[in-house]
Amino acid sequence: MGIKHWLSALFRRRNQISDGVPEVMGHVVDEHKEKREIRRGPIRHDTLTQDQLKRVAKLRNVLVEAYPMTLDGWLDGFLRDADPESEIQVIEAVAIVYQQLTQSVNLTHDDKAMLYGVLCVISASGASDKVNDKIPEGLPASTDLFELYCAARSAGDRP
């Protein structure tokens, strides 16, 4: 292998973690029309508790069809969160609503991915008419999804 090829491969490996997601997620053009990198946030925690690790593994299993990230990728994301426990609780509530809805309505793989995305948006910003056109057919509007999410969150439900 030539030195250029070897250095290129080394550079690519150094810019990816074990989940295969690059540190540079993409690019945007700012208000001054300058191209900027979008990077992953820093790792803020060395580890999660044993309980958190088990819960994240369960979340991954419940949501794998909608969000096929590796377990390493899930863990990496929570290690980068300012408050992993709070974020795990948010996704647990999302997963509860996701389970309820996918068990009551027959959804395609793409519909499940869209539902998960809508639930993540709702968990971060509340009900919005802007996501109603993204909700798969046969499912409630965003206001009802938000109520389901809030109920699961306040109850502390886990999948």
N, C-alpha and C. Protein backbone atom coordinates (compact mmCIF):
# COMPACT_ATOMS: atom_id res chain seq x y z
N MET A 1 0.85 -1.17 0.00
CA MET A 1 0.00 0.00 0.00
C MET A 1 0.89 1.23 0.00
N GLY A 2 0.58 2.18 -0.88
CA GLY A 2 1.36 3.41 -0.95
C GLY A 2 1.16 4.29 0.26
N ILE A 3 2.12 5.16 0.52
CA ILE A 3 2.07 6.02 1.70
C ILE A 3 0.86 6.96 1.65
N LYS A 4 0.53 7.48 0.45
CA LYS A 4 -0.63 8.36 0.35
C LYS A 4 -1.91 7.62 0.70
N HIS A 5 -2.05 6.39 0.19
CA HIS A 5 -3.24 5.59 0.48
C HIS A 5 -3.32 5.26 1.96
N TRP A 6 -2.19 4.91 2.56
CA TRP A 6 -2.16 4.56 3.98
C TRP A 6 -2.52 5.78 4.84
N LEU A 7 -1.95 6.96 4.52
CA LEU A 7 -2.26 8.16 5.28
C LEU A 7 -3.73 8.56 5.12
N SER A 8 -4.25 8.40 3.92
CA SER A 8 -5.66 8.71 3.69
C SER A 8 -6.56 7.80 4.52
N ALA A 9 -6.25 6.51 4.56
CA ALA A 9 -7.04 5.56 5.36
C ALA A 9 -6.92 5.87 6.84
N LEU A 10 -5.73 6.22 7.30
CA LEU A 10 -5.52 6.57 8.70
C LEU A 10 -6.32 7.82 9.06
N PHE A 11 -6.31 8.83 8.20
CA PHE A 11 -7.05 10.04 8.45
C PHE A 11 -8.55 9.74 8.55
N ARG A 12 -9.07 8.90 7.63
CA ARG A 12 -10.49 8.55 7.67
C ARG A 12 -10.82 7.84 8.98
N ARG A 13 -9.98 6.91 9.44
CA ARG A 13 -10.24 6.18 10.69
C ARG A 13 -10.21 7.12 11.89
N ARG A 14 -9.28 8.07 11.90
CA ARG A 14 -9.17 9.00 13.03
C ARG A 14 -10.37 9.93 13.11
N ASN A 15 -11.03 10.17 12.00
CA ASN A 15 -12.18 11.07 11.99
C ASN A 15 -13.51 10.32 12.13
N GLN A 16 -13.45 9.06 12.47
CA GLN A 16 -14.65 8.29 12.74
C GLN A 16 -14.46 7.57 14.06
N ILE A 17 -15.56 7.39 14.79
CA ILE A 17 -15.48 6.58 15.99
C ILE A 17 -15.99 5.19 15.64
N SER A 18 -16.07 4.32 16.62
CA SER A 18 -16.40 2.92 16.34
C SER A 18 -17.77 2.72 15.73
N ASP A 19 -18.68 3.68 15.84
CA ASP A 19 -20.00 3.50 15.24
C ASP A 19 -20.02 3.87 13.76
N GLY A 20 -18.90 4.35 13.23
CA GLY A 20 -18.81 4.65 11.82
C GLY A 20 -19.35 6.01 11.43
N VAL A 21 -19.83 6.78 12.39
CA VAL A 21 -20.35 8.11 12.08
C VAL A 21 -19.19 9.10 12.15
N PRO A 22 -19.00 9.90 11.11
CA PRO A 22 -17.87 10.82 11.11
C PRO A 22 -18.04 11.94 12.14
N GLU A 23 -16.91 12.47 12.60
CA GLU A 23 -16.95 13.61 13.52
C GLU A 23 -17.54 14.84 12.83
N VAL A 24 -17.23 15.02 11.54
CA VAL A 24 -17.82 16.12 10.78
C VAL A 24 -19.10 15.58 10.15
N MET A 25 -20.23 16.12 10.61
CA MET A 25 -21.54 15.61 10.20
C MET A 25 -22.02 16.20 8.87
N GLY A 26 -21.47 17.34 8.49
CA GLY A 26 -21.89 17.99 7.26
C GLY A 26 -21.43 19.43 7.26
N HIS A 27 -22.04 20.20 6.39
CA HIS A 27 -21.66 21.61 6.26
C HIS A 27 -22.91 22.47 6.10
N VAL A 28 -22.80 23.72 6.53
CA VAL A 28 -23.85 24.71 6.32
C VAL A 28 -23.18 25.99 5.84
N VAL A 29 -23.97 26.85 5.25
CA VAL A 29 -23.50 28.18 4.86
C VAL A 29 -24.10 29.15 5.86
N ASP A 30 -23.24 29.93 6.52
CA ASP A 30 -23.72 30.85 7.55
C ASP A 30 -24.26 32.13 6.93
N GLU A 31 -24.67 33.07 7.80
CA GLU A 31 -25.28 34.32 7.34
C GLU A 31 -24.31 35.19 6.55
N HIS A 32 -23.01 34.89 6.65
CA HIS A 32 -22.00 35.64 5.88
C HIS A 32 -21.59 34.88 4.61
N LYS A 33 -22.37 33.85 4.29
CA LYS A 33 -22.16 33.01 3.12
C LYS A 33 -20.83 32.23 3.17
N GLU A 34 -20.38 31.94 4.41
CA GLU A 34 -19.19 31.14 4.60
C GLU A 34 -19.58 29.71 4.95
N LYS A 35 -18.88 28.76 4.35
CA LYS A 35 -19.15 27.35 4.59
C LYS A 35 -18.55 26.95 5.94
N ARG A 36 -19.37 26.32 6.79
CA ARG A 36 -18.94 25.90 8.13
C ARG A 36 -19.22 24.41 8.32
N GLU A 37 -18.33 23.76 9.07
CA GLU A 37 -18.53 22.35 9.39
C GLU A 37 -19.52 22.20 10.54
N ILE A 38 -20.32 21.15 10.46
CA ILE A 38 -21.15 20.75 11.59
C ILE A 38 -20.46 19.54 12.19
N ARG A 39 -20.02 19.67 13.43
CA ARG A 39 -19.27 18.61 14.11
C ARG A 39 -20.08 18.03 15.25
N ARG A 40 -19.77 16.79 15.58
CA ARG A 40 -20.34 16.20 16.78
C ARG A 40 -19.84 16.97 17.99
N GLY A 41 -20.66 17.01 19.03
CA GLY A 41 -20.22 17.64 20.27
C GLY A 41 -19.17 16.77 20.95
N PRO A 42 -18.51 17.32 21.94
CA PRO A 42 -17.46 16.57 22.62
C PRO A 42 -18.04 15.48 23.53
N ILE A 43 -17.24 14.47 23.80
CA ILE A 43 -17.59 13.46 24.80
C ILE A 43 -17.53 14.16 26.16
N ARG A 44 -18.64 14.13 26.90
CA ARG A 44 -18.70 14.84 28.18
C ARG A 44 -18.63 13.91 29.38
N HIS A 45 -18.83 12.61 29.14
CA HIS A 45 -18.86 11.65 30.24
C HIS A 45 -18.02 10.44 29.87
N ASP A 46 -17.29 9.91 30.84
CA ASP A 46 -16.45 8.74 30.60
C ASP A 46 -17.27 7.47 30.42
N THR A 47 -18.38 7.38 31.13
CA THR A 47 -19.19 6.17 31.07
C THR A 47 -20.61 6.47 31.52
N LEU A 48 -21.47 5.51 31.32
CA LEU A 48 -22.83 5.55 31.85
C LEU A 48 -22.90 4.52 32.98
N THR A 49 -23.92 4.63 33.82
CA THR A 49 -24.09 3.63 34.88
C THR A 49 -24.53 2.31 34.27
N GLN A 50 -24.43 1.24 35.03
CA GLN A 50 -24.89 -0.07 34.54
C GLN A 50 -26.37 -0.02 34.18
N ASP A 51 -27.18 0.64 35.01
CA ASP A 51 -28.60 0.77 34.73
C ASP A 51 -28.83 1.53 33.42
N GLN A 52 -28.11 2.62 33.23
CA GLN A 52 -28.25 3.39 32.00
C GLN A 52 -27.84 2.57 30.78
N LEU A 53 -26.77 1.81 30.90
CA LEU A 53 -26.32 0.96 29.79
C LEU A 53 -27.40 -0.03 29.39
N LYS A 54 -28.04 -0.66 30.38
CA LYS A 54 -29.12 -1.62 30.10
C LYS A 54 -30.30 -0.92 29.44
N ARG A 55 -30.64 0.26 29.93
CA ARG A 55 -31.77 0.99 29.37
C ARG A 55 -31.50 1.43 27.94
N VAL A 56 -30.28 1.86 27.66
CA VAL A 56 -29.92 2.27 26.29
C VAL A 56 -29.97 1.06 25.36
N ALA A 57 -29.51 -0.08 25.82
CA ALA A 57 -29.58 -1.30 25.00
C ALA A 57 -31.04 -1.65 24.70
N LYS A 58 -31.91 -1.49 25.67
CA LYS A 58 -33.34 -1.74 25.46
C LYS A 58 -33.92 -0.75 24.45
N LEU A 59 -33.55 0.52 24.58
CA LEU A 59 -34.01 1.52 23.63
C LEU A 59 -33.58 1.17 22.21
N ARG A 60 -32.35 0.77 22.08
CA ARG A 60 -31.85 0.40 20.76
C ARG A 60 -32.67 -0.75 20.18
N ASN A 61 -32.97 -1.75 21.00
CA ASN A 61 -33.76 -2.89 20.53
C ASN A 61 -35.17 -2.49 20.13
N VAL A 62 -35.79 -1.61 20.90
CA VAL A 62 -37.16 -1.17 20.60
C VAL A 62 -37.20 -0.33 19.33
N LEU A 63 -36.19 0.51 19.12
CA LEU A 63 -36.23 1.48 18.03
C LEU A 63 -35.37 1.12 16.82
N VAL A 64 -34.82 -0.09 16.81
CA VAL A 64 -33.87 -0.46 15.75
C VAL A 64 -34.46 -0.36 14.35
N GLU A 65 -35.74 -0.68 14.19
CA GLU A 65 -36.34 -0.58 12.86
C GLU A 65 -36.42 0.87 12.39
N ALA A 66 -36.73 1.77 13.30
CA ALA A 66 -36.90 3.17 12.95
C ALA A 66 -35.58 3.92 12.91
N TYR A 67 -34.64 3.48 13.74
CA TYR A 67 -33.36 4.18 13.87
C TYR A 67 -32.26 3.12 14.01
N PRO A 68 -31.78 2.61 12.89
CA PRO A 68 -30.85 1.47 12.91
C PRO A 68 -29.41 1.84 13.25
N MET A 69 -29.21 2.55 14.34
CA MET A 69 -27.88 2.92 14.81
C MET A 69 -27.32 1.77 15.63
N THR A 70 -26.02 1.59 15.59
CA THR A 70 -25.38 0.57 16.41
C THR A 70 -25.50 0.93 17.88
N LEU A 71 -25.33 -0.06 18.75
CA LEU A 71 -25.34 0.21 20.18
C LEU A 71 -24.21 1.18 20.54
N ASP A 72 -23.04 1.02 19.92
CA ASP A 72 -21.94 1.96 20.15
C ASP A 72 -22.35 3.38 19.79
N GLY A 73 -23.10 3.52 18.72
CA GLY A 73 -23.56 4.84 18.30
C GLY A 73 -24.53 5.45 19.30
N TRP A 74 -25.45 4.62 19.80
CA TRP A 74 -26.38 5.09 20.83
C TRP A 74 -25.61 5.55 22.07
N LEU A 75 -24.68 4.71 22.52
CA LEU A 75 -23.92 5.04 23.73
C LEU A 75 -23.11 6.31 23.52
N ASP A 76 -22.46 6.43 22.37
CA ASP A 76 -21.67 7.60 22.06
C ASP A 76 -22.51 8.87 22.15
N GLY A 77 -23.72 8.82 21.62
CA GLY A 77 -24.60 9.99 21.67
C GLY A 77 -24.92 10.41 23.09
N PHE A 78 -25.23 9.43 23.94
CA PHE A 78 -25.56 9.77 25.32
C PHE A 78 -24.33 10.25 26.10
N LEU A 79 -23.15 9.74 25.76
CA LEU A 79 -21.92 10.20 26.42
C LEU A 79 -21.61 11.65 26.06
N ARG A 80 -22.15 12.13 24.94
CA ARG A 80 -21.93 13.51 24.50
C ARG A 80 -22.98 14.47 25.08
N ASP A 81 -24.06 13.92 25.63
CA ASP A 81 -25.12 14.76 26.20
C ASP A 81 -24.66 15.42 27.49
N ALA A 82 -25.16 16.64 27.74
CA ALA A 82 -24.86 17.33 28.99
C ALA A 82 -25.44 16.55 30.17
N ASP A 83 -26.63 15.99 30.00
CA ASP A 83 -27.31 15.25 31.06
C ASP A 83 -27.85 13.94 30.49
N PRO A 84 -27.01 12.90 30.43
CA PRO A 84 -27.44 11.65 29.81
C PRO A 84 -28.71 11.06 30.41
N GLU A 85 -28.86 11.14 31.73
CA GLU A 85 -30.05 10.56 32.37
C GLU A 85 -31.33 11.21 31.85
N SER A 86 -31.32 12.52 31.78
CA SER A 86 -32.48 13.24 31.28
C SER A 86 -32.78 12.86 29.83
N GLU A 87 -31.75 12.77 29.00
CA GLU A 87 -31.94 12.42 27.60
C GLU A 87 -32.43 10.98 27.43
N ILE A 88 -31.93 10.09 28.26
CA ILE A 88 -32.41 8.70 28.22
C ILE A 88 -33.90 8.67 28.56
N GLN A 89 -34.30 9.45 29.56
CA GLN A 89 -35.72 9.50 29.94
C GLN A 89 -36.59 10.05 28.80
N VAL A 90 -36.08 11.04 28.08
CA VAL A 90 -36.81 11.59 26.94
C VAL A 90 -37.02 10.50 25.89
N ILE A 91 -35.95 9.79 25.54
CA ILE A 91 -36.06 8.77 24.50
C ILE A 91 -36.89 7.58 24.99
N GLU A 92 -36.86 7.29 26.28
CA GLU A 92 -37.73 6.23 26.81
C GLU A 92 -39.20 6.60 26.61
N ALA A 93 -39.56 7.85 26.86
CA ALA A 93 -40.94 8.29 26.64
C ALA A 93 -41.29 8.23 25.16
N VAL A 94 -40.37 8.64 24.30
CA VAL A 94 -40.57 8.54 22.86
C VAL A 94 -40.79 7.07 22.47
N ALA A 95 -39.97 6.18 23.02
CA ALA A 95 -40.07 4.75 22.69
C ALA A 95 -41.40 4.16 23.15
N ILE A 96 -41.91 4.60 24.29
CA ILE A 96 -43.21 4.12 24.77
C ILE A 96 -44.30 4.49 23.78
N VAL A 97 -44.33 5.74 23.36
CA VAL A 97 -45.34 6.19 22.39
C VAL A 97 -45.15 5.46 21.06
N TYR A 98 -43.91 5.32 20.63
CA TYR A 98 -43.60 4.60 19.40
C TYR A 98 -44.14 3.17 19.47
N GLN A 99 -43.89 2.48 20.58
CA GLN A 99 -44.38 1.10 20.73
C GLN A 99 -45.91 1.05 20.68
N GLN A 100 -46.56 1.96 21.41
CA GLN A 100 -48.02 1.98 21.43
C GLN A 100 -48.59 2.14 20.02
N LEU A 101 -48.02 3.06 19.28
CA LEU A 101 -48.55 3.37 17.95
C LEU A 101 -48.22 2.30 16.93
N THR A 102 -47.03 1.75 16.98
CA THR A 102 -46.67 0.73 15.99
C THR A 102 -47.37 -0.59 16.25
N GLN A 103 -47.84 -0.80 17.47
CA GLN A 103 -48.61 -2.01 17.76
C GLN A 103 -50.07 -1.87 17.34
N SER A 104 -50.55 -0.62 17.23
CA SER A 104 -51.96 -0.41 16.90
C SER A 104 -52.20 -0.12 15.42
N VAL A 105 -51.17 0.27 14.69
CA VAL A 105 -51.31 0.59 13.26
C VAL A 105 -50.20 -0.12 12.50
N ASN A 106 -50.56 -0.71 11.37
CA ASN A 106 -49.57 -1.39 10.52
C ASN A 106 -48.81 -0.35 9.71
N LEU A 107 -47.52 -0.17 10.03
CA LEU A 107 -46.70 0.85 9.37
C LEU A 107 -45.57 0.21 8.58
N THR A 108 -45.20 0.85 7.49
CA THR A 108 -44.05 0.42 6.71
C THR A 108 -42.78 0.81 7.46
N HIS A 109 -41.66 0.30 6.98
CA HIS A 109 -40.36 0.65 7.57
C HIS A 109 -40.14 2.16 7.51
N ASP A 110 -40.43 2.76 6.35
CA ASP A 110 -40.26 4.21 6.21
C ASP A 110 -41.20 4.98 7.12
N ASP A 111 -42.43 4.49 7.29
CA ASP A 111 -43.38 5.14 8.20
C ASP A 111 -42.87 5.10 9.63
N LYS A 112 -42.26 3.97 10.02
CA LYS A 112 -41.73 3.85 11.39
C LYS A 112 -40.59 4.84 11.61
N ALA A 113 -39.73 4.97 10.61
CA ALA A 113 -38.63 5.94 10.71
C ALA A 113 -39.18 7.36 10.80
N MET A 114 -40.19 7.66 10.00
CA MET A 114 -40.80 8.99 10.02
C MET A 114 -41.47 9.25 11.37
N LEU A 115 -42.18 8.25 11.89
CA LEU A 115 -42.83 8.39 13.19
C LEU A 115 -41.81 8.68 14.28
N TYR A 116 -40.72 7.94 14.29
CA TYR A 116 -39.68 8.18 15.29
C TYR A 116 -39.14 9.60 15.17
N GLY A 117 -38.88 10.06 13.96
CA GLY A 117 -38.39 11.42 13.76
C GLY A 117 -39.38 12.47 14.25
N VAL A 118 -40.65 12.26 13.95
CA VAL A 118 -41.69 13.19 14.41
C VAL A 118 -41.74 13.21 15.94
N LEU A 119 -41.68 12.03 16.55
CA LEU A 119 -41.72 11.97 18.01
C LEU A 119 -40.50 12.67 18.64
N CYS A 120 -39.35 12.56 18.00
CA CYS A 120 -38.16 13.26 18.51
C CYS A 120 -38.33 14.76 18.41
N VAL A 121 -38.90 15.23 17.31
CA VAL A 121 -39.16 16.67 17.15
C VAL A 121 -40.15 17.13 18.21
N ILE A 122 -41.21 16.37 18.40
CA ILE A 122 -42.22 16.72 19.40
C ILE A 122 -41.62 16.72 20.80
N SER A 123 -40.74 15.77 21.10
CA SER A 123 -40.13 15.72 22.43
C SER A 123 -39.25 16.94 22.69
N ALA A 124 -38.70 17.52 21.63
CA ALA A 124 -37.82 18.67 21.78
C ALA A 124 -38.54 20.00 21.72
N SER A 125 -39.67 20.04 20.98
CA SER A 125 -40.28 21.35 20.75
C SER A 125 -41.79 21.39 20.94
N GLY A 126 -42.41 20.29 21.31
CA GLY A 126 -43.85 20.28 21.51
C GLY A 126 -44.62 20.04 20.23
N ALA A 127 -45.94 20.13 20.34
CA ALA A 127 -46.82 19.91 19.19
C ALA A 127 -46.64 21.05 18.19
N SER A 128 -46.72 20.71 16.92
CA SER A 128 -46.57 21.72 15.89
C SER A 128 -47.29 21.28 14.62
N ASP A 129 -48.01 22.21 14.04
CA ASP A 129 -48.67 21.92 12.76
C ASP A 129 -47.65 21.61 11.68
N LYS A 130 -46.41 22.06 11.87
CA LYS A 130 -45.36 21.86 10.87
C LYS A 130 -45.01 20.39 10.68
N VAL A 131 -45.27 19.54 11.68
CA VAL A 131 -44.95 18.12 11.53
C VAL A 131 -46.16 17.28 11.15
N ASN A 132 -47.34 17.87 11.15
CA ASN A 132 -48.54 17.08 10.86
C ASN A 132 -48.49 16.39 9.51
N ASP A 133 -47.90 17.04 8.51
CA ASP A 133 -47.82 16.42 7.19
C ASP A 133 -46.76 15.32 7.13
N LYS A 134 -45.95 15.17 8.17
CA LYS A 134 -44.93 14.11 8.24
C LYS A 134 -45.42 12.88 9.01
N ILE A 135 -46.54 13.02 9.68
CA ILE A 135 -47.08 11.92 10.48
C ILE A 135 -47.70 10.89 9.54
N PRO A 136 -47.28 9.61 9.67
CA PRO A 136 -47.84 8.58 8.79
C PRO A 136 -49.36 8.49 8.93
N GLU A 137 -49.99 8.11 7.83
CA GLU A 137 -51.44 8.00 7.78
C GLU A 137 -51.95 7.01 8.83
N GLY A 138 -53.07 7.37 9.44
CA GLY A 138 -53.70 6.51 10.44
C GLY A 138 -53.25 6.80 11.86
N LEU A 139 -52.32 7.76 12.03
CA LEU A 139 -51.84 8.11 13.36
C LEU A 139 -52.38 9.47 13.77
N PRO A 140 -52.42 9.73 15.07
CA PRO A 140 -52.96 11.00 15.57
C PRO A 140 -52.14 12.22 15.14
N ALA A 141 -52.76 13.38 15.23
CA ALA A 141 -52.09 14.64 14.93
C ALA A 141 -51.05 14.95 16.01
N SER A 142 -50.22 15.94 15.74
CA SER A 142 -49.11 16.25 16.65
C SER A 142 -49.58 16.62 18.05
N THR A 143 -50.73 17.28 18.19
CA THR A 143 -51.21 17.64 19.52
C THR A 143 -51.49 16.39 20.35
N ASP A 144 -52.08 15.38 19.73
CA ASP A 144 -52.35 14.12 20.44
C ASP A 144 -51.07 13.35 20.71
N LEU A 145 -50.14 13.37 19.76
CA LEU A 145 -48.84 12.71 19.98
C LEU A 145 -48.10 13.38 21.13
N PHE A 146 -48.19 14.70 21.20
CA PHE A 146 -47.54 15.43 22.29
C PHE A 146 -48.15 15.04 23.64
N GLU A 147 -49.45 14.90 23.69
CA GLU A 147 -50.11 14.48 24.93
C GLU A 147 -49.67 13.07 25.33
N LEU A 148 -49.57 12.16 24.36
CA LEU A 148 -49.09 10.81 24.66
C LEU A 148 -47.66 10.85 25.18
N TYR A 149 -46.82 11.66 24.54
CA TYR A 149 -45.43 11.80 24.98
C TYR A 149 -45.37 12.35 26.40
N CYS A 150 -46.11 13.41 26.67
CA CYS A 150 -46.10 14.03 28.01
C CYS A 150 -46.57 13.05 29.07
N ALA A 151 -47.59 12.26 28.76
CA ALA A 151 -48.09 11.28 29.72
C ALA A 151 -47.01 10.22 30.02
N ALA A 152 -46.34 9.74 28.98
CA ALA A 152 -45.29 8.74 29.18
C ALA A 152 -44.12 9.35 29.95
N ARG A 153 -43.78 10.57 29.65
CA ARG A 153 -42.66 11.25 30.32
C ARG A 153 -42.95 11.48 31.79
N SER A 154 -44.15 11.98 32.09
CA SER A 154 -44.47 12.28 33.49
C SER A 154 -44.64 11.01 34.32
N ALA A 155 -45.06 9.92 33.67
CA ALA A 155 -45.22 8.65 34.38
C ALA A 155 -43.87 7.95 34.58
N GLY A 156 -42.86 8.41 33.83
CA GLY A 156 -41.55 7.75 33.92
C GLY A 156 -41.54 6.37 33.30
N ASP A 157 -42.46 6.17 32.35
CA ASP A 157 -42.58 4.85 31.70
C ASP A 157 -41.31 4.51 30.93
N ARG A 158 -41.03 3.22 30.90
CA ARG A 158 -39.89 2.69 30.15
C ARG A 158 -40.38 1.54 29.28
N PRO A 159 -39.76 1.40 28.12
CA PRO A 159 -40.16 0.27 27.25
C PRO A 159 -39.72 -1.06 27.83
